[in-house]
């Protein structure tokens, strides 16, 4: 009977297992570092992309504010002229009254660009902005200052709809309103049922309208300043032009 000798495998030393474990650990750890670095890179790129879009939006706002504030300041002068004519010692003719009144008929609806911030807020992407001061400034601008400016603009439009338009329907002729783009002082306007009382009513209506426009100017001026501050912050934080 043939007997087979058993082959004995030499036992591995503990150092062999230690090095196997160490190599496996290093492989997993390096993979973790690589993935973490990749995620950090992706988030950094997203942060810069959002920063560029925010900068573009706020630049549009700053341009809007500059034009809008100039128009509001010009309106203050026109209103002062209107009040001087209406309260002066000489009663203005229908044509003089209406031609000056027409100069005050301007809409001040806001045109803010909030798409990027709204998207970031809805998707939770504001977390990409790592500078806390910048995040706070953005929140103040978009969630406090712009809504206030928008609310006052809506107030101006509401006053026009509820008070100015009914007065115009009662006292003005539609055919005169069709000549707004013509040379006003060359037109013969007619005011219907004009009395000292109706003149005073118009003074009151436009006085309140002026106060609302001044309030709008008071809210949009600091909003414009904040827009320029944010432009500087974004350019500095992300090295943008």
C-alpha atoms as a PDB file:
ATOM      1  CA  UNK A   1       0.000   0.000   0.000  1.00  0.00           C
ATOM      2  CA  UNK A   2       1.392   3.317  -1.094  1.00  0.00           C
ATOM      3  CA  UNK A   3       1.485   6.102   1.458  1.00  0.00           C
ATOM      4  CA  UNK A   4       1.399   9.744   0.307  1.00  0.00           C
ATOM      5  CA  UNK A   5       3.238  12.251   2.374  1.00  0.00           C
ATOM      6  CA  UNK A   6       1.281  15.404   3.230  1.00  0.00           C
ATOM      7  CA  UNK A   7       2.750  18.671   2.025  1.00  0.00           C
ATOM      8  CA  UNK A   8       3.004  21.141   4.866  1.00  0.00           C
ATOM      9  CA  UNK A   9       2.514  24.829   3.925  1.00  0.00           C
ATOM     10  CA  UNK A  10       4.653  27.134   5.928  1.00  0.00           C
ATOM     11  CA  UNK A  11       2.622  29.447   8.172  1.00  0.00           C
ATOM     12  CA  UNK A  12       2.714  33.065   7.127  1.00  0.00           C
ATOM     13  CA  UNK A  13       4.155  35.477   9.594  1.00  0.00           C
ATOM     14  CA  UNK A  14       1.925  38.129  11.157  1.00  0.00           C
ATOM     15  CA  UNK A  15       3.917  40.781   9.331  1.00  0.00           C
ATOM     16  CA  UNK A  16       2.647  39.387   6.023  1.00  0.00           C
ATOM     17  CA  UNK A  17      -0.960  39.872   7.083  1.00  0.00           C
ATOM     18  CA  UNK A  18      -0.146  43.296   8.436  1.00  0.00           C
ATOM     19  CA  UNK A  19       1.284  44.429   5.091  1.00  0.00           C
ATOM     20  CA  UNK A  20      -1.678  42.968   3.216  1.00  0.00           C
ATOM     21  CA  UNK A  21      -4.034  44.874   5.499  1.00  0.00           C
ATOM     22  CA  UNK A  22      -1.981  48.038   5.179  1.00  0.00           C
ATOM     23  CA  UNK A  23      -1.953  47.861   1.379  1.00  0.00           C
ATOM     24  CA  UNK A  24      -5.718  47.261   1.295  1.00  0.00           C
ATOM     25  CA  UNK A  25      -6.292  50.125   3.712  1.00  0.00           C
ATOM     26  CA  UNK A  26      -4.120  52.461   1.663  1.00  0.00           C
ATOM     27  CA  UNK A  27      -5.955  51.507  -1.535  1.00  0.00           C
ATOM     28  CA  UNK A  28      -9.347  52.234   0.051  1.00  0.00           C
ATOM     29  CA  UNK A  29      -8.091  55.414   1.696  1.00  0.00           C
ATOM     30  CA  UNK A  30      -6.552  56.731  -1.526  1.00  0.00           C
ATOM     31  CA  UNK A  31      -9.790  55.969  -3.346  1.00  0.00           C
ATOM     32  CA  UNK A  32     -11.683  57.891  -0.699  1.00  0.00           C
ATOM     33  CA  UNK A  33      -9.313  60.834  -1.023  1.00  0.00           C
ATOM     34  CA  UNK A  34      -9.625  60.802  -4.812  1.00  0.00           C
ATOM     35  CA  UNK A  35     -13.436  60.737  -4.638  1.00  0.00           C
ATOM     36  CA  UNK A  36     -13.467  63.462  -2.013  1.00  0.00           C
ATOM     37  CA  UNK A  37     -11.129  65.565  -4.126  1.00  0.00           C
ATOM     38  CA  UNK A  38     -13.315  65.002  -7.178  1.00  0.00           C
ATOM     39  CA  UNK A  39     -16.450  66.072  -5.281  1.00  0.00           C
ATOM     40  CA  UNK A  40     -14.624  69.117  -3.951  1.00  0.00           C
ATOM     41  CA  UNK A  41     -13.558  70.049  -7.474  1.00  0.00           C
ATOM     42  CA  UNK A  42     -17.095  69.615  -8.826  1.00  0.00           C
ATOM     43  CA  UNK A  43     -18.588  71.720  -6.022  1.00  0.00           C
ATOM     44  CA  UNK A  44     -15.925  74.366  -6.524  1.00  0.00           C
ATOM     45  CA  UNK A  45     -16.775  74.562 -10.218  1.00  0.00           C
ATOM     46  CA  UNK A  46     -20.492  74.798  -9.427  1.00  0.00           C
ATOM     47  CA  UNK A  47     -19.799  77.564  -6.925  1.00  0.00           C
ATOM     48  CA  UNK A  48     -17.893  79.568  -9.536  1.00  0.00           C
ATOM     49  CA  UNK A  49     -20.608  78.957 -12.136  1.00  0.00           C
ATOM     50  CA  UNK A  50     -23.297  80.267  -9.797  1.00  0.00           C
ATOM     51  CA  UNK A  51     -21.068  83.197  -8.838  1.00  0.00           C
ATOM     52  CA  UNK A  52     -20.689  84.207 -12.484  1.00  0.00           C
ATOM     53  CA  UNK A  53     -24.441  83.990 -13.008  1.00  0.00           C
ATOM     54  CA  UNK A  54     -25.150  85.984  -9.854  1.00  0.00           C
ATOM     55  CA  UNK A  55     -22.682  88.627 -10.971  1.00  0.00           C
ATOM     56  CA  UNK A  56     -24.430  88.875 -14.340  1.00  0.00           C
ATOM     57  CA  UNK A  57     -27.868  89.185 -12.698  1.00  0.00           C
ATOM     58  CA  UNK A  58     -26.785  91.834 -10.217  1.00  0.00           C
ATOM     59  CA  UNK A  59     -25.048  93.837 -12.931  1.00  0.00           C
ATOM     60  CA  UNK A  60     -28.371  93.915 -14.786  1.00  0.00           C
ATOM     61  CA  UNK A  61     -30.025  95.135 -11.586  1.00  0.00           C
ATOM     62  CA  UNK A  62     -27.418  97.858 -11.130  1.00  0.00           C
ATOM     63  CA  UNK A  63     -28.036  99.136 -14.662  1.00  0.00           C
ATOM     64  CA  UNK A  64     -31.790  99.078 -14.050  1.00  0.00           C
ATOM     65  CA  UNK A  65     -31.391 100.989 -10.782  1.00  0.00           C
ATOM     66  CA  UNK A  66     -29.243 103.708 -12.334  1.00  0.00           C
ATOM     67  CA  UNK A  67     -31.810 104.377 -15.066  1.00  0.00           C
ATOM     68  CA  UNK A  68     -34.775 104.076 -12.707  1.00  0.00           C
ATOM     69  CA  UNK A  69     -33.371 106.395 -10.044  1.00  0.00           C
ATOM     70  CA  UNK A  70     -32.559 109.005 -12.659  1.00  0.00           C
ATOM     71  CA  UNK A  71     -36.174 108.890 -13.876  1.00  0.00           C
ATOM     72  CA  UNK A  72     -37.513 109.138 -10.328  1.00  0.00           C
ATOM     73  CA  UNK A  73     -35.315 112.154  -9.633  1.00  0.00           C
ATOM     74  CA  UNK A  74     -36.454 113.788 -12.860  1.00  0.00           C
ATOM     75  CA  UNK A  75     -40.032 113.086 -11.851  1.00  0.00           C
ATOM     76  CA  UNK A  76     -39.508 114.973  -8.586  1.00  0.00           C
ATOM     77  CA  UNK A  77     -38.635 118.095 -10.577  1.00  0.00           C
ATOM     78  CA  UNK A  78     -41.625 117.665 -12.897  1.00  0.00           C
ATOM     79  CA  UNK A  79     -43.950 117.228  -9.919  1.00  0.00           C
ATOM     80  CA  UNK A  80     -42.561 120.349  -8.249  1.00  0.00           C
ATOM     81  CA  UNK A  81     -43.267 122.256 -11.464  1.00  0.00           C
ATOM     82  CA  UNK A  82     -46.796 120.814 -11.613  1.00  0.00           C
ATOM     83  CA  UNK A  83     -47.522 121.835  -8.016  1.00  0.00           C
ATOM     84  CA  UNK A  84     -46.173 125.331  -8.644  1.00  0.00           C
ATOM     85  CA  UNK A  85     -48.526 125.722 -11.616  1.00  0.00           C
ATOM     86  CA  UNK A  86     -51.526 124.299  -9.749  1.00  0.00           C
ATOM     87  CA  UNK A  87     -51.073 126.370  -6.585  1.00  0.00           C
ATOM     88  CA  UNK A  88     -49.827 129.592  -8.185  1.00  0.00           C
ATOM     89  CA  UNK A  89     -51.739 132.902  -8.188  1.00  0.00           C
ATOM     90  CA  UNK A  90     -52.779 132.449 -11.829  1.00  0.00           C
ATOM     91  CA  UNK A  91     -55.191 129.641 -12.641  1.00  0.00           C
ATOM     92  CA  UNK A  92     -53.654 127.446 -15.371  1.00  0.00           C
ATOM     93  CA  UNK A  93     -55.590 126.848 -18.559  1.00  0.00           C
ATOM     94  CA  UNK A  94     -56.890 123.378 -19.321  1.00  0.00           C
ATOM     95  CA  UNK A  95     -54.101 122.856 -21.845  1.00  0.00           C
ATOM     96  CA  UNK A  96     -51.339 123.961 -19.460  1.00  0.00           C
ATOM     97  CA  UNK A  97     -52.730 121.819 -16.646  1.00  0.00           C
ATOM     98  CA  UNK A  98     -53.055 118.682 -18.744  1.00  0.00           C
ATOM     99  CA  UNK A  99     -49.761 119.053 -20.582  1.00  0.00           C
ATOM    100  CA  UNK A 100     -47.929 119.212 -17.246  1.00  0.00           C
ATOM    101  CA  UNK A 101     -50.035 116.424 -15.793  1.00  0.00           C
ATOM    102  CA  UNK A 102     -49.231 114.139 -18.711  1.00  0.00           C
ATOM    103  CA  UNK A 103     -45.513 114.450 -17.907  1.00  0.00           C
ATOM    104  CA  UNK A 104     -46.192 112.674 -14.605  1.00  0.00           C
ATOM    105  CA  UNK A 105     -47.800 109.621 -16.198  1.00  0.00           C
ATOM    106  CA  UNK A 106     -44.925 107.167 -15.945  1.00  0.00           C
ATOM    107  CA  UNK A 107     -44.847 103.560 -14.829  1.00  0.00           C
ATOM    108  CA  UNK A 108     -42.212 102.444 -12.345  1.00  0.00           C
ATOM    109  CA  UNK A 109     -42.664  98.682 -12.429  1.00  0.00           C
ATOM    110  CA  UNK A 110     -39.538  96.895 -11.182  1.00  0.00           C
ATOM    111  CA  UNK A 111     -37.406  94.769 -13.480  1.00  0.00           C
ATOM    112  CA  UNK A 112     -35.214  92.847 -11.058  1.00  0.00           C
ATOM    113  CA  UNK A 113     -33.247  89.792 -12.226  1.00  0.00           C
ATOM    114  CA  UNK A 114     -33.665  87.138  -9.539  1.00  0.00           C
ATOM    115  CA  UNK A 115     -33.578  83.889 -11.549  1.00  0.00           C
ATOM    116  CA  UNK A 116     -30.180  82.617 -10.366  1.00  0.00           C
ATOM    117  CA  UNK A 117     -30.723  83.338  -6.675  1.00  0.00           C
ATOM    118  CA  UNK A 118     -34.225  81.833  -6.766  1.00  0.00           C
ATOM    119  CA  UNK A 119     -32.850  78.669  -8.390  1.00  0.00           C
ATOM    120  CA  UNK A 120     -30.032  78.410  -5.852  1.00  0.00           C
ATOM    121  CA  UNK A 121     -32.411  78.871  -2.934  1.00  0.00           C
ATOM    122  CA  UNK A 122     -34.938  76.335  -4.244  1.00  0.00           C
ATOM    123  CA  UNK A 123     -32.291  73.681  -4.993  1.00  0.00           C
ATOM    124  CA  UNK A 124     -30.243  74.200  -1.830  1.00  0.00           C
ATOM    125  CA  UNK A 125     -27.293  75.425  -3.881  1.00  0.00           C
ATOM    126  CA  UNK A 126     -26.666  78.420  -1.624  1.00  0.00           C
ATOM    127  CA  UNK A 127     -24.499  76.014   0.389  1.00  0.00           C
ATOM    128  CA  UNK A 128     -21.922  76.243  -2.393  1.00  0.00           C
ATOM    129  CA  UNK A 129     -21.217  79.841  -1.334  1.00  0.00           C
ATOM    130  CA  UNK A 130     -18.576  79.276   1.330  1.00  0.00           C
ATOM    131  CA  UNK A 131     -18.141  82.918   2.333  1.00  0.00           C
ATOM    132  CA  UNK A 132     -20.701  83.532   5.090  1.00  0.00           C
ATOM    133  CA  UNK A 133     -20.524  87.313   4.705  1.00  0.00           C
ATOM    134  CA  UNK A 134     -21.320  86.995   1.013  1.00  0.00           C
ATOM    135  CA  UNK A 135     -24.238  84.651   1.709  1.00  0.00           C
ATOM    136  CA  UNK A 136     -25.641  87.083   4.281  1.00  0.00           C
ATOM    137  CA  UNK A 137     -25.291  90.001   1.872  1.00  0.00           C
ATOM    138  CA  UNK A 138     -27.058  88.057  -0.891  1.00  0.00           C
ATOM    139  CA  UNK A 139     -29.920  87.111   1.425  1.00  0.00           C
ATOM    140  CA  UNK A 140     -30.355  90.703   2.582  1.00  0.00           C
ATOM    141  CA  UNK A 141     -30.386  91.979  -0.993  1.00  0.00           C
ATOM    142  CA  UNK A 142     -32.731  89.389  -2.492  1.00  0.00           C
ATOM    143  CA  UNK A 143     -35.015  88.644   0.459  1.00  0.00           C
ATOM    144  CA  UNK A 144     -35.326  92.056   2.135  1.00  0.00           C
ATOM    145  CA  UNK A 145     -34.271  94.980  -0.038  1.00  0.00           C
ATOM    146  CA  UNK A 146     -35.704  93.916  -3.414  1.00  0.00           C
ATOM    147  CA  UNK A 147     -39.100  92.853  -1.981  1.00  0.00           C
ATOM    148  CA  UNK A 148     -39.393  96.227  -0.234  1.00  0.00           C
ATOM    149  CA  UNK A 149     -38.572  98.080  -3.437  1.00  0.00           C
ATOM    150  CA  UNK A 150     -41.037  95.899  -5.326  1.00  0.00           C
ATOM    151  CA  UNK A 151     -43.777  96.510  -2.739  1.00  0.00           C
ATOM    152  CA  UNK A 152     -43.433 100.289  -3.029  1.00  0.00           C
ATOM    153  CA  UNK A 153     -43.530 100.060  -6.834  1.00  0.00           C
ATOM    154  CA  UNK A 154     -46.758  98.085  -6.591  1.00  0.00           C
ATOM    155  CA  UNK A 155     -48.087 100.807  -4.280  1.00  0.00           C
ATOM    156  CA  UNK A 156     -47.436 103.479  -6.919  1.00  0.00           C
ATOM    157  CA  UNK A 157     -49.262 101.443  -9.569  1.00  0.00           C
ATOM    158  CA  UNK A 158     -52.143 100.692  -7.204  1.00  0.00           C
ATOM    159  CA  UNK A 159     -52.596 104.380  -6.387  1.00  0.00           C
ATOM    160  CA  UNK A 160     -52.590 105.223 -10.087  1.00  0.00           C
ATOM    161  CA  UNK A 161     -55.250 102.580 -10.805  1.00  0.00           C
ATOM    162  CA  UNK A 162     -57.498 103.414  -7.853  1.00  0.00           C
ATOM    163  CA  UNK A 163     -57.309 107.226  -7.859  1.00  0.00           C
ATOM    164  CA  UNK A 164     -55.660 108.728 -10.929  1.00  0.00           C
ATOM    165  CA  UNK A 165     -57.489 106.660 -13.543  1.00  0.00           C
ATOM    166  CA  UNK A 166     -60.993 107.353 -12.119  1.00  0.00           C
ATOM    167  CA  UNK A 167     -60.196 111.084 -12.081  1.00  0.00           C
ATOM    168  CA  UNK A 168     -59.044 110.930 -15.704  1.00  0.00           C
ATOM    169  CA  UNK A 169     -62.178 109.035 -16.761  1.00  0.00           C
ATOM    170  CA  UNK A 170     -64.362 111.665 -15.135  1.00  0.00           C
ATOM    171  CA  UNK A 171     -62.572 114.837 -16.268  1.00  0.00           C
ATOM    172  CA  UNK A 172     -60.440 114.063 -19.355  1.00  0.00           C
ATOM    173  CA  UNK A 173     -61.411 113.322 -22.937  1.00  0.00           C
ATOM    174  CA  UNK A 174     -60.161 110.131 -24.538  1.00  0.00           C
ATOM    175  CA  UNK A 175     -59.246 111.932 -27.765  1.00  0.00           C
ATOM    176  CA  UNK A 176     -56.875 114.141 -25.774  1.00  0.00           C
ATOM    177  CA  UNK A 177     -55.161 111.108 -24.272  1.00  0.00           C
ATOM    178  CA  UNK A 178     -54.355 109.877 -27.772  1.00  0.00           C
ATOM    179  CA  UNK A 179     -52.079 112.882 -28.295  1.00  0.00           C
ATOM    180  CA  UNK A 180     -49.677 112.173 -25.425  1.00  0.00           C
ATOM    181  CA  UNK A 181     -46.740 111.690 -27.778  1.00  0.00           C
ATOM    182  CA  UNK A 182     -47.404 114.942 -29.625  1.00  0.00           C
ATOM    183  CA  UNK A 183     -46.165 118.367 -28.647  1.00  0.00           C
ATOM    184  CA  UNK A 184     -48.371 118.975 -25.618  1.00  0.00           C
ATOM    185  CA  UNK A 185     -48.273 122.758 -25.569  1.00  0.00           C
ATOM    186  CA  UNK A 186     -49.585 122.966 -29.133  1.00  0.00           C
ATOM    187  CA  UNK A 187     -52.735 121.051 -28.238  1.00  0.00           C
ATOM    188  CA  UNK A 188     -56.059 122.430 -27.078  1.00  0.00           C
ATOM    189  CA  UNK A 189     -57.034 120.196 -24.210  1.00  0.00           C
ATOM    190  CA  UNK A 190     -60.389 120.346 -22.454  1.00  0.00           C
ATOM    191  CA  UNK A 191     -61.086 119.371 -18.852  1.00  0.00           C
ATOM    192  CA  UNK A 192     -64.672 118.321 -18.205  1.00  0.00           C
ATOM    193  CA  UNK A 193     -66.578 119.690 -15.208  1.00  0.00           C
ATOM    194  CA  UNK A 194     -63.537 121.544 -13.935  1.00  0.00           C
ATOM    195  CA  UNK A 195     -64.018 123.371 -10.643  1.00  0.00           C
ATOM    196  CA  UNK A 196     -61.751 124.608  -7.842  1.00  0.00           C
ATOM    197  CA  UNK A 197     -62.759 121.427  -6.031  1.00  0.00           C
ATOM    198  CA  UNK A 198     -61.715 119.157  -8.912  1.00  0.00           C
ATOM    199  CA  UNK A 199     -58.394 121.016  -9.186  1.00  0.00           C
ATOM    200  CA  UNK A 200     -57.777 120.485  -5.482  1.00  0.00           C
ATOM    201  CA  UNK A 201     -58.688 116.818  -5.842  1.00  0.00           C
ATOM    202  CA  UNK A 202     -56.055 116.451  -8.569  1.00  0.00           C
ATOM    203  CA  UNK A 203     -53.494 118.242  -6.380  1.00  0.00           C
ATOM    204  CA  UNK A 204     -54.254 115.786  -3.564  1.00  0.00           C
ATOM    205  CA  UNK A 205     -54.073 112.747  -5.841  1.00  0.00           C
ATOM    206  CA  UNK A 206     -50.753 113.748  -7.373  1.00  0.00           C
ATOM    207  CA  UNK A 207     -49.370 114.784  -3.990  1.00  0.00           C
ATOM    208  CA  UNK A 208     -49.966 111.286  -2.635  1.00  0.00           C
ATOM    209  CA  UNK A 209     -48.558 109.825  -5.842  1.00  0.00           C
ATOM    210  CA  UNK A 210     -45.432 111.930  -5.390  1.00  0.00           C
ATOM    211  CA  UNK A 211     -45.047 110.718  -1.803  1.00  0.00           C
ATOM    212  CA  UNK A 212     -45.286 107.115  -3.019  1.00  0.00           C
ATOM    213  CA  UNK A 213     -42.661 107.757  -5.710  1.00  0.00           C
ATOM    214  CA  UNK A 214     -40.369 109.373  -3.136  1.00  0.00           C
ATOM    215  CA  UNK A 215     -40.772 106.308  -0.910  1.00  0.00           C
ATOM    216  CA  UNK A 216     -39.861 104.153  -3.901  1.00  0.00           C
ATOM    217  CA  UNK A 217     -36.773 106.281  -4.484  1.00  0.00           C
ATOM    218  CA  UNK A 218     -35.896 105.865  -0.814  1.00  0.00           C
ATOM    219  CA  UNK A 219     -36.050 102.065  -1.071  1.00  0.00           C
ATOM    220  CA  UNK A 220     -34.353 101.643  -4.443  1.00  0.00           C
ATOM    221  CA  UNK A 221     -31.395 103.911  -3.639  1.00  0.00           C
ATOM    222  CA  UNK A 222     -29.967 101.647  -0.881  1.00  0.00           C
ATOM    223  CA  UNK A 223     -30.810  98.588  -2.994  1.00  0.00           C
ATOM    224  CA  UNK A 224     -28.654 100.000  -5.782  1.00  0.00           C
ATOM    225  CA  UNK A 225     -25.797 100.611  -3.335  1.00  0.00           C
ATOM    226  CA  UNK A 226     -26.092  97.038  -2.086  1.00  0.00           C
ATOM    227  CA  UNK A 227     -26.013  95.784  -5.693  1.00  0.00           C
ATOM    228  CA  UNK A 228     -22.696  97.544  -6.289  1.00  0.00           C
ATOM    229  CA  UNK A 229     -21.339  96.145  -2.998  1.00  0.00           C
ATOM    230  CA  UNK A 230     -22.292  92.625  -4.083  1.00  0.00           C
ATOM    231  CA  UNK A 231     -20.636  93.120  -7.457  1.00  0.00           C
ATOM    232  CA  UNK A 232     -17.385  94.037  -5.697  1.00  0.00           C
ATOM    233  CA  UNK A 233     -17.709  91.101  -3.266  1.00  0.00           C
ATOM    234  CA  UNK A 234     -18.311  88.556  -6.037  1.00  0.00           C
ATOM    235  CA  UNK A 235     -15.467  89.877  -8.165  1.00  0.00           C
ATOM    236  CA  UNK A 236     -13.065  89.791  -5.226  1.00  0.00           C
ATOM    237  CA  UNK A 237     -14.149  86.395  -3.869  1.00  0.00           C
ATOM    238  CA  UNK A 238     -14.046  84.562  -7.212  1.00  0.00           C
ATOM    239  CA  UNK A 239     -11.516  86.667  -9.127  1.00  0.00           C
ATOM    240  CA  UNK A 240     -14.090  87.651 -11.727  1.00  0.00           C
ATOM    241  CA  UNK A 241     -14.069  90.602 -14.075  1.00  0.00           C
END
